[in-house]
Amino acid sequence: MRTITIENAGDVELTVQLAMHAVGEGLAQVAMLRVTPIVAAGECVAGLSGTLTPIADFRHEDVGGLEAGDTRMMCLEVSVPQGADPALSGESISFALALNGAQVSDT
């Protein structure tokens, strides 16, 4: 479980997307990711609403618009399905999370 906070420090609205890239075999191929908007860091707990998506297939999550000066908290939940091969026990996984913000045009 990890809480991230996204802040628009600019002076125009942004649209924001999350992207994830997992590296490796084994655990990286079975681990699941859920991204859930939250209001407070203490709300970031296992089993929140939202779809669990295999990290290997996770491409982007549309976070939506973020007005100038606003912040948004997201809970990132990484889990391993109950039916995963026991041989994967003790393996680690590496992944990169990228945020992309694009200015919203006033036209």
C-alpha atoms as a PDB file:
ATOM      1  CA  MET A   1       0.000   0.000   0.000  1.00  0.00           C
ATOM      2  CA  ARG A   2       1.326   3.406  -0.902  1.00  0.00           C
ATOM      3  CA  THR A   3      -0.315   6.820  -0.868  1.00  0.00           C
ATOM      4  CA  ILE A   4       0.722   9.310  -3.514  1.00  0.00           C
ATOM      5  CA  THR A   5      -0.280  12.953  -3.699  1.00  0.00           C
ATOM      6  CA  ILE A   6      -0.519  14.728  -7.027  1.00  0.00           C
ATOM      7  CA  GLU A   7      -0.382  18.531  -6.936  1.00  0.00           C
ATOM      8  CA  ASN A   8      -0.967  20.989  -9.750  1.00  0.00           C
ATOM      9  CA  ALA A   9       1.470  23.762  -8.820  1.00  0.00           C
ATOM     10  CA  GLY A  10       0.749  25.600 -12.059  1.00  0.00           C
ATOM     11  CA  ASP A  11      -1.853  28.203 -12.941  1.00  0.00           C
ATOM     12  CA  VAL A  12      -3.969  26.240 -15.452  1.00  0.00           C
ATOM     13  CA  GLU A  13      -6.033  23.040 -15.241  1.00  0.00           C
ATOM     14  CA  LEU A  14      -4.307  19.744 -16.061  1.00  0.00           C
ATOM     15  CA  THR A  15      -5.538  16.355 -17.124  1.00  0.00           C
ATOM     16  CA  VAL A  16      -3.482  13.682 -15.380  1.00  0.00           C
ATOM     17  CA  GLN A  17      -2.696  10.063 -16.237  1.00  0.00           C
ATOM     18  CA  LEU A  18      -0.737   7.415 -14.339  1.00  0.00           C
ATOM     19  CA  ALA A  19       1.341   4.851 -16.203  1.00  0.00           C
ATOM     20  CA  MET A  20       3.150   1.818 -14.797  1.00  0.00           C
ATOM     21  CA  HIS A  21       5.838  -0.429 -16.176  1.00  0.00           C
ATOM     22  CA  ALA A  22       6.860  -3.616 -14.382  1.00  0.00           C
ATOM     23  CA  VAL A  23      10.179  -5.311 -15.037  1.00  0.00           C
ATOM     24  CA  GLY A  24      10.900  -9.001 -14.831  1.00  0.00           C
ATOM     25  CA  GLU A  25       9.379 -12.426 -14.973  1.00  0.00           C
ATOM     26  CA  GLY A  26       7.685 -14.494 -12.313  1.00  0.00           C
ATOM     27  CA  LEU A  27       6.179 -12.220  -9.710  1.00  0.00           C
ATOM     28  CA  ALA A  28       6.006  -9.282 -12.141  1.00  0.00           C
ATOM     29  CA  GLN A  29       3.724 -11.406 -14.310  1.00  0.00           C
ATOM     30  CA  VAL A  30       1.181 -12.216 -11.574  1.00  0.00           C
ATOM     31  CA  ALA A  31       1.193  -9.151  -9.273  1.00  0.00           C
ATOM     32  CA  MET A  32      -1.939  -6.995  -9.383  1.00  0.00           C
ATOM     33  CA  LEU A  33      -2.377  -3.221  -9.029  1.00  0.00           C
ATOM     34  CA  ARG A  34      -5.364  -1.171  -7.875  1.00  0.00           C
ATOM     35  CA  VAL A  35      -5.396   2.650  -8.037  1.00  0.00           C
ATOM     36  CA  THR A  36      -8.090   4.301  -5.903  1.00  0.00           C
ATOM     37  CA  PRO A  37      -8.742   7.995  -5.230  1.00  0.00           C
ATOM     38  CA  ILE A  38      -8.809   8.802  -1.491  1.00  0.00           C
ATOM     39  CA  VAL A  39      -9.376  11.880   0.661  1.00  0.00           C
ATOM     40  CA  ALA A  40      -6.887  11.162   3.474  1.00  0.00           C
ATOM     41  CA  ALA A  41      -3.737   9.029   3.721  1.00  0.00           C
ATOM     42  CA  GLY A  42      -5.330   6.903   6.469  1.00  0.00           C
ATOM     43  CA  GLU A  43      -7.902   5.674   3.936  1.00  0.00           C
ATOM     44  CA  CYS A  44      -5.218   3.806   1.981  1.00  0.00           C
ATOM     45  CA  VAL A  45      -5.979   0.250   3.072  1.00  0.00           C
ATOM     46  CA  ALA A  46      -6.186  -3.096   1.296  1.00  0.00           C
ATOM     47  CA  GLY A  47      -9.351  -3.961  -0.579  1.00  0.00           C
ATOM     48  CA  LEU A  48     -10.587  -0.524  -1.646  1.00  0.00           C
ATOM     49  CA  SER A  49     -12.957  -0.144  -4.564  1.00  0.00           C
ATOM     50  CA  GLY A  50     -11.580  -0.216  -8.064  1.00  0.00           C
ATOM     51  CA  THR A  51     -10.397  -2.891 -10.419  1.00  0.00           C
ATOM     52  CA  LEU A  52      -7.339  -5.015  -9.744  1.00  0.00           C
ATOM     53  CA  THR A  53      -5.303  -5.068 -12.951  1.00  0.00           C
ATOM     54  CA  PRO A  54      -2.237  -7.217 -13.626  1.00  0.00           C
ATOM     55  CA  ILE A  55       0.809  -4.942 -13.307  1.00  0.00           C
ATOM     56  CA  ALA A  56       2.186  -6.460 -16.507  1.00  0.00           C
ATOM     57  CA  ASP A  57      -0.941  -5.201 -18.357  1.00  0.00           C
ATOM     58  CA  PHE A  58      -1.334  -1.840 -16.595  1.00  0.00           C
ATOM     59  CA  ARG A  59      -0.853   0.925 -19.127  1.00  0.00           C
ATOM     60  CA  HIS A  60      -2.575   4.026 -17.771  1.00  0.00           C
ATOM     61  CA  GLU A  61      -5.191   5.241 -15.385  1.00  0.00           C
ATOM     62  CA  ASP A  62      -7.003   8.487 -16.147  1.00  0.00           C
ATOM     63  CA  VAL A  63      -6.873  10.493 -12.922  1.00  0.00           C
ATOM     64  CA  GLY A  64      -8.996  13.257 -14.468  1.00  0.00           C
ATOM     65  CA  GLY A  65      -8.798  17.024 -14.308  1.00  0.00           C
ATOM     66  CA  LEU A  66      -6.826  18.848 -11.646  1.00  0.00           C
ATOM     67  CA  GLU A  67      -7.498  22.566 -11.249  1.00  0.00           C
ATOM     68  CA  ALA A  68      -4.603  24.983 -10.650  1.00  0.00           C
ATOM     69  CA  GLY A  69      -3.449  24.717  -7.032  1.00  0.00           C
ATOM     70  CA  ASP A  70      -5.454  21.545  -6.324  1.00  0.00           C
ATOM     71  CA  THR A  71      -4.122  18.259  -4.993  1.00  0.00           C
ATOM     72  CA  ARG A  72      -5.405  14.712  -5.274  1.00  0.00           C
ATOM     73  CA  MET A  73      -4.461  11.646  -3.233  1.00  0.00           C
ATOM     74  CA  MET A  74      -4.353   8.164  -4.708  1.00  0.00           C
ATOM     75  CA  CYS A  75      -3.858   4.810  -3.014  1.00  0.00           C
ATOM     76  CA  LEU A  76      -1.699   2.298  -4.874  1.00  0.00           C
ATOM     77  CA  GLU A  77      -2.326  -1.295  -3.808  1.00  0.00           C
ATOM     78  CA  VAL A  78      -0.034  -4.038  -5.101  1.00  0.00           C
ATOM     79  CA  SER A  79      -1.055  -7.598  -4.329  1.00  0.00           C
ATOM     80  CA  VAL A  80      -0.377 -11.180  -5.334  1.00  0.00           C
ATOM     81  CA  PRO A  81      -3.355 -13.445  -6.092  1.00  0.00           C
ATOM     82  CA  GLN A  82      -4.018 -16.320  -3.681  1.00  0.00           C
ATOM     83  CA  GLY A  83      -3.497 -18.864  -6.447  1.00  0.00           C
ATOM     84  CA  ALA A  84       0.024 -17.662  -7.326  1.00  0.00           C
ATOM     85  CA  ASP A  85       2.722 -20.307  -7.605  1.00  0.00           C
ATOM     86  CA  PRO A  86       4.335 -20.844  -4.157  1.00  0.00           C
ATOM     87  CA  ALA A  87       7.719 -20.957  -5.920  1.00  0.00           C
ATOM     88  CA  LEU A  88       7.383 -17.160  -6.336  1.00  0.00           C
ATOM     89  CA  SER A  89       7.574 -16.691  -2.567  1.00  0.00           C
ATOM     90  CA  GLY A  90      10.431 -14.378  -1.626  1.00  0.00           C
ATOM     91  CA  GLU A  91      10.772 -12.870  -5.106  1.00  0.00           C
ATOM     92  CA  SER A  92      10.817  -9.127  -5.544  1.00  0.00           C
ATOM     93  CA  ILE A  93       9.288  -6.951  -8.205  1.00  0.00           C
ATOM     94  CA  SER A  94      10.494  -3.703  -9.724  1.00  0.00           C
ATOM     95  CA  PHE A  95       8.170  -1.233 -11.338  1.00  0.00           C
ATOM     96  CA  ALA A  96       8.204   2.389 -12.423  1.00  0.00           C
ATOM     97  CA  LEU A  97       5.303   4.762 -11.985  1.00  0.00           C
ATOM     98  CA  ALA A  98       5.015   7.763 -14.289  1.00  0.00           C
ATOM     99  CA  LEU A  99       2.640  10.714 -14.105  1.00  0.00           C
ATOM    100  CA  ASN A 100       1.710  12.685 -17.186  1.00  0.00           C
ATOM    101  CA  GLY A 101       0.001  16.068 -16.882  1.00  0.00           C
ATOM    102  CA  ALA A 102      -1.298  17.936 -19.918  1.00  0.00           C
ATOM    103  CA  GLN A 103      -2.618  21.496 -19.852  1.00  0.00           C
ATOM    104  CA  VAL A 104      -6.306  21.930 -20.647  1.00  0.00           C
ATOM    105  CA  SER A 105      -6.883  24.451 -23.434  1.00  0.00           C
ATOM    106  CA  ASP A 106      -9.218  27.397 -22.773  1.00  0.00           C
ATOM    107  CA  THR A 107     -10.475  27.474 -26.364  1.00  0.00           C
END
